[in-house]
C-alpha cells in the first residue's frame, strides 16, 4: 500500500453520506453536501491517512446496481470535496462497477467491494461475487485503482459452510483483491482477533484491514495482526449517522502514532 499511503498502519476514516436523492430517508441535498464537507475536514484535521466515502444513508440498499442518480450525486459530492487525502469509494450494497466508475472520474485510489467472490445471504437477499466482471471492467477503464475486498462481509452469512481462511485465499488469489478487510458481524462490532490472525496467516502477501469496531481501546491489539484500520463509529459522538468529531479522531490517531 506504499503507493497509496505513506505511513505504517494507515487509518482510513469513513465519510458516511446522509441519504441521497431517491433514497427513502432523503431530506435535503444541501445538508448531505454540508455534512460530507464537515466530516471530511474533521477527519483530515484529526490526522487520518485516508478516507472512504460511501452512501451509508441510502438504506434499504439495492443489492447490486444502484440508480444513475446515485452515481451522479456521489460523483458530484466527491468532486465538491476535492480531497487531497487518498480516498476510496464504496457503493452499497455491492455495486462495485459503479464504485470503480466514480473513483475513475474523481481520481480515487481504491474502492471497497463487500462481496467479490463467493455467495452471501444478506439482508438484501442472495448476493453473488462477480470478480470476473469487476476485474474486466477495471481493465476497460485502464485504471490503477486498488480493490479492497471484504472476507465474509458483515451483515451477511456464507451460503455454504466455509472457513475464513479459504474465503480469504479465494478472495485474494481467485478474485484478485489487492487488500482484504475483516469485520465483526455487524457495523460497529470489532473483528475477532482470531479471525484477523487466521486471514493474515492464510494470505500473508496481501494488506489486511480491520474494517469495523476499531476504537482507541482495542486498536493496539488489532494492529498486532491487521496492517491498517477502517474507522467509522469510533469517530462519532453517538449514532453512526451523527457527524465526525475531530477530537475523537485525534484521540485514536495519538494512540496509533505511539504504535508507529
Protein backbone atom coordinates (compact mmCIF):
# COMPACT_ATOMS: atom_id res chain seq x y z
CA UNK A 1 0.00 0.00 0.00
CA UNK A 2 3.00 2.30 -0.15
CA UNK A 3 1.72 3.61 -3.49
CA UNK A 4 -1.39 4.92 -1.67
CA UNK A 5 -0.39 5.57 1.94
CA UNK A 6 2.98 6.94 3.03
CA UNK A 7 2.93 5.58 6.58
CA UNK A 8 2.81 2.34 8.53
CA UNK A 9 -0.60 1.16 9.82
CA UNK A 10 -2.76 3.58 7.78
CA UNK A 11 -6.05 4.64 9.32
CA UNK A 12 -8.92 5.27 6.90
CA UNK A 13 -11.81 7.37 8.20
CA UNK A 14 -15.37 6.92 6.96
CA UNK A 15 -17.39 9.66 5.30
CA UNK A 16 -20.89 8.23 5.72
CA UNK A 17 -23.06 10.20 3.30
CA UNK A 18 -26.53 11.12 4.53
CA UNK A 19 -29.43 9.75 2.44
CA UNK A 20 -29.01 10.76 -1.18
CA UNK A 21 -31.81 11.88 -3.54
CA UNK A 22 -34.10 8.99 -4.41
CA UNK A 23 -33.48 7.05 -1.19
CA UNK A 24 -36.38 6.68 1.28
CA UNK A 25 -34.87 8.83 4.04
CA UNK A 26 -33.55 11.67 1.85
CA UNK A 27 -34.42 15.17 3.03
CA UNK A 28 -32.11 17.89 1.72
CA UNK A 29 -29.19 17.58 -0.68
CA UNK A 30 -27.54 20.72 0.71
CA UNK A 31 -27.46 19.10 4.14
CA UNK A 32 -25.88 15.96 2.62
CA UNK A 33 -23.13 18.01 0.97
CA UNK A 34 -22.57 20.18 4.05
CA UNK A 35 -22.12 17.20 6.39
CA UNK A 36 -19.83 15.44 3.89
CA UNK A 37 -17.56 18.51 3.90
CA UNK A 38 -17.60 18.79 7.69
CA UNK A 39 -16.86 15.09 8.14
CA UNK A 40 -14.04 15.12 5.61
CA UNK A 41 -12.29 18.10 7.20
CA UNK A 42 -12.76 16.74 10.72
CA UNK A 43 -11.09 13.51 9.59
CA UNK A 44 -8.31 15.34 7.77
CA UNK A 45 -7.58 17.75 10.60
CA UNK A 46 -7.77 14.89 13.09
CA UNK A 47 -4.90 13.18 11.28
CA UNK A 48 -6.29 10.17 9.37
CA UNK A 49 -4.26 8.81 6.46
CA UNK A 50 -7.16 8.40 4.03
CA UNK A 51 -10.94 8.40 3.75
CA UNK A 52 -13.58 6.05 2.37
CA UNK A 53 -16.75 7.66 1.04
CA UNK A 54 -19.93 5.59 0.87
CA UNK A 55 -23.70 6.01 0.50
CA UNK A 56 -24.34 4.76 4.03
CA UNK A 57 -27.60 6.69 4.40
CA UNK A 58 -29.29 5.03 1.42
CA UNK A 59 -30.82 2.12 3.37
CA UNK A 60 -32.51 -0.11 2.44
CA UNK A 61 -29.79 -0.79 -0.12
CA UNK A 62 -30.06 -2.20 -3.60
CA UNK A 63 -28.17 -5.47 -3.51
CA UNK A 64 -26.23 -4.72 -6.69
CA UNK A 65 -26.82 -1.91 -9.20
CA UNK A 66 -27.82 1.49 -7.87
CA UNK A 67 -29.73 4.04 -9.91
CA UNK A 68 -27.87 6.51 -12.18
CA UNK A 69 -28.74 9.49 -9.99
CA UNK A 70 -26.93 7.87 -7.03
CA UNK A 71 -23.77 7.57 -9.12
CA UNK A 72 -24.17 11.16 -10.32
CA UNK A 73 -24.66 12.57 -6.81
CA UNK A 74 -21.79 10.62 -5.29
CA UNK A 75 -19.51 11.87 -8.07
CA UNK A 76 -20.73 15.44 -7.61
CA UNK A 77 -20.19 15.36 -3.83
CA UNK A 78 -16.69 13.89 -4.10
CA UNK A 79 -15.69 16.46 -6.71
CA UNK A 80 -17.00 19.22 -4.43
CA UNK A 81 -14.79 17.86 -1.63
CA UNK A 82 -11.72 17.90 -3.89
CA UNK A 83 -10.00 15.50 -1.47
CA UNK A 84 -6.25 15.87 -1.05
CA UNK A 85 -6.07 12.78 1.16
CA UNK A 86 -6.00 9.37 -0.54
CA UNK A 87 -9.63 8.30 -0.83
CA UNK A 88 -11.78 5.41 -1.87
CA UNK A 89 -15.41 4.75 -2.82
CA UNK A 90 -17.93 2.17 -1.67
CA UNK A 91 -21.36 1.90 -3.30
CA UNK A 92 -23.65 -0.14 -1.09
CA UNK A 93 -24.57 -2.84 -1.09
CA UNK A 94 -22.32 -4.30 -3.74
CA UNK A 95 -22.24 -2.05 -6.82
CA UNK A 96 -18.51 -2.35 -7.38
CA UNK A 97 -18.66 -1.33 -11.03
CA UNK A 98 -20.24 1.99 -10.08
CA UNK A 99 -17.63 2.44 -7.34
CA UNK A 100 -14.91 1.93 -9.95
CA UNK A 101 -16.56 4.41 -12.30
CA UNK A 102 -16.91 7.06 -9.57
CA UNK A 103 -13.32 6.56 -8.41
CA UNK A 104 -12.14 6.79 -12.02
CA UNK A 105 -13.99 10.09 -12.53
CA UNK A 106 -12.83 11.62 -9.24
CA UNK A 107 -9.26 10.26 -9.06
CA UNK A 108 -9.92 7.87 -6.20
CA UNK A 109 -7.14 5.48 -5.23
CA UNK A 110 -9.19 2.48 -4.11
CA UNK A 111 -12.68 1.01 -3.84
CA UNK A 112 -14.30 -1.32 -1.34
CA UNK A 113 -16.09 -4.40 -2.60
CA UNK A 114 -18.27 -6.08 0.02
CA UNK A 115 -18.64 -9.37 -1.87
CA UNK A 116 -16.00 -10.04 -4.51
CA UNK A 117 -16.16 -13.85 -4.52
CA UNK A 118 -18.48 -16.49 -3.15
CA UNK A 119 -22.19 -16.24 -2.30
CA UNK A 120 -23.57 -14.46 0.76
CA UNK A 121 -27.03 -14.39 2.28
CA UNK A 122 -27.63 -10.78 3.30
CA UNK A 123 -30.48 -8.51 4.35
CA UNK A 124 -30.71 -7.55 0.66
CA UNK A 125 -31.06 -11.19 -0.41
CA UNK A 126 -28.58 -13.57 -2.04
CA UNK A 127 -25.55 -11.73 -3.44
CA UNK A 128 -23.05 -13.45 -5.71
CA UNK A 129 -19.50 -12.21 -6.09
CA UNK A 130 -18.70 -11.08 -9.62
CA UNK A 131 -14.93 -10.77 -9.60
CA UNK A 132 -14.74 -11.71 -13.28
CA UNK A 133 -16.93 -8.76 -14.34
CA UNK A 134 -15.28 -6.31 -11.95
CA UNK A 135 -11.68 -7.09 -12.92
CA UNK A 136 -12.53 -6.94 -16.62
CA UNK A 137 -14.31 -3.62 -16.16
CA UNK A 138 -11.22 -2.31 -14.39
CA UNK A 139 -9.23 -3.29 -17.48
CA UNK A 140 -11.72 -1.48 -19.71
CA UNK A 141 -11.22 1.70 -17.69
CA UNK A 142 -7.44 1.09 -17.70
CA UNK A 143 -7.04 2.45 -14.17
CA UNK A 144 -4.72 1.72 -11.27
CA UNK A 145 -7.44 1.63 -8.63
CA UNK A 146 -6.93 -0.87 -5.82
CA UNK A 147 -9.72 -3.25 -4.87
CA UNK A 148 -10.16 -3.67 -1.10
CA UNK A 149 -12.45 -6.68 -0.60
CA UNK A 150 -14.26 -7.98 2.46
CA UNK A 151 -13.76 -11.55 3.60
CA UNK A 152 -17.14 -12.96 4.74
CA UNK A 153 -18.60 -9.47 4.94
CA UNK A 154 -20.57 -8.16 7.94
CA UNK A 155 -24.37 -8.31 7.83
CA UNK A 156 -24.09 -11.50 5.79
CA UNK A 157 -23.53 -15.22 6.05
CA UNK A 158 -21.92 -17.56 3.51
CA UNK A 159 -24.47 -19.70 1.71
CA UNK A 160 -22.31 -22.76 2.28
CA UNK A 161 -20.08 -23.52 5.24
CA UNK A 162 -16.63 -22.13 4.52
CA UNK A 163 -13.64 -21.35 6.69
CA UNK A 164 -12.45 -17.77 6.83
CA UNK A 165 -9.02 -18.97 5.65
CA UNK A 166 -10.44 -20.45 2.47
CA UNK A 167 -12.63 -17.40 1.85
CA UNK A 168 -9.56 -15.18 2.24
CA UNK A 169 -7.50 -17.26 -0.20
CA UNK A 170 -10.33 -17.26 -2.76
CA UNK A 171 -10.79 -13.50 -2.42
CA UNK A 172 -7.08 -12.80 -2.82
CA UNK A 173 -5.92 -15.38 -5.34
CA UNK A 174 -9.04 -16.17 -7.39
CA UNK A 175 -10.81 -12.81 -7.02
CA UNK A 176 -7.51 -10.88 -7.30
CA UNK A 177 -8.24 -8.46 -4.45
CA UNK A 178 -5.40 -6.06 -3.71
CA UNK A 179 -6.23 -5.87 0.01
CA UNK A 180 -8.51 -7.76 2.37
CA UNK A 181 -10.95 -6.48 5.01
CA UNK A 182 -12.12 -8.40 8.07
CA UNK A 183 -15.01 -7.08 10.19
CA UNK A 184 -17.21 -8.06 13.07
CA UNK A 185 -20.67 -9.48 12.33
CA UNK A 186 -22.34 -6.03 12.27
CA UNK A 187 -21.42 -2.38 11.79
CA UNK A 188 -19.58 -1.10 14.85
CA UNK A 189 -18.58 -4.54 16.16
CA UNK A 190 -14.87 -5.37 16.23
CA UNK A 191 -13.49 -8.35 14.32
CA UNK A 192 -12.39 -11.35 16.30
CA UNK A 193 -8.64 -11.33 16.87
CA UNK A 194 -8.51 -14.97 15.82
CA UNK A 195 -10.15 -14.07 12.50
CA UNK A 196 -7.56 -11.37 11.82
CA UNK A 197 -4.78 -13.79 12.72
CA UNK A 198 -6.24 -16.58 10.57
CA UNK A 199 -6.60 -14.36 7.49
CA UNK A 200 -3.12 -12.88 7.89
CA UNK A 201 -1.60 -16.37 8.14
CA UNK A 202 -3.65 -17.68 5.19
CA UNK A 203 -2.83 -14.72 2.93
CA UNK A 204 0.42 -13.17 4.18
CA UNK A 205 1.13 -11.30 0.93
CA UNK A 206 -2.00 -9.11 0.97
CA UNK A 207 -2.56 -5.98 3.05
CA UNK A 208 -5.15 -6.61 5.76
CA UNK A 209 -7.55 -4.00 7.15
CA UNK A 210 -9.75 -4.32 10.23
CA UNK A 211 -13.00 -2.90 8.92
CA UNK A 212 -15.30 -2.33 11.92
CA UNK A 213 -15.38 -1.75 15.64
CA UNK A 214 -11.91 -0.22 15.95
CA UNK A 215 -11.56 2.04 19.00
CA UNK A 216 -8.71 3.71 20.92
CA UNK A 217 -9.07 0.92 23.48
CA UNK A 218 -8.61 -2.01 21.08
CA UNK A 219 -6.55 -0.57 18.23
CA UNK A 220 -3.27 -1.82 19.70
CA UNK A 221 -4.41 -5.44 19.85
CA UNK A 222 -5.99 -5.22 16.40
CA UNK A 223 -2.82 -3.84 14.81
CA UNK A 224 -0.87 -6.83 16.06
CA UNK A 225 -2.37 -8.68 13.09
CA UNK A 226 -4.04 -6.09 10.85
CA UNK A 227 -1.91 -3.77 8.73
CA UNK A 228 -4.38 -0.91 8.92
CA UNK A 229 -7.90 0.03 10.02
CA UNK A 230 -11.08 1.49 8.57
CA UNK A 231 -12.81 3.53 11.28
CA UNK A 232 -16.32 4.96 11.35
CA UNK A 233 -18.37 4.77 14.53
CA UNK A 234 -15.48 5.48 16.92
CA UNK A 235 -15.16 8.94 15.35
CA UNK A 236 -18.81 9.81 16.09
CA UNK A 237 -20.32 11.15 19.30
CA UNK A 238 -23.35 8.91 19.29
CA UNK A 239 -25.13 7.08 16.50
CA UNK A 240 -23.17 6.31 13.35
CA UNK A 241 -25.32 8.83 11.42
CA UNK A 242 -24.02 11.72 13.55
CA UNK A 243 -21.16 13.97 12.41
CA UNK A 244 -17.48 13.13 12.85
CA UNK A 245 -15.85 14.79 15.85
CA UNK A 246 -12.27 15.93 15.31
CA UNK A 247 -11.38 15.34 18.97
CA UNK A 248 -12.34 11.67 18.70
CA UNK A 249 -10.23 11.33 15.58
CA UNK A 250 -7.25 12.91 17.35
CA UNK A 251 -7.64 10.56 20.33
CA UNK A 252 -7.38 7.43 18.20
CA UNK A 253 -4.64 8.84 16.00
CA UNK A 254 -2.47 9.70 19.04
CA UNK A 255 -2.68 6.05 20.07
CA UNK A 256 -1.74 4.90 16.56
CA UNK A 257 1.18 7.31 16.36
CA UNK A 258 2.61 5.78 19.54
CA UNK A 259 2.32 2.31 17.96
CA UNK A 260 4.08 3.51 14.84
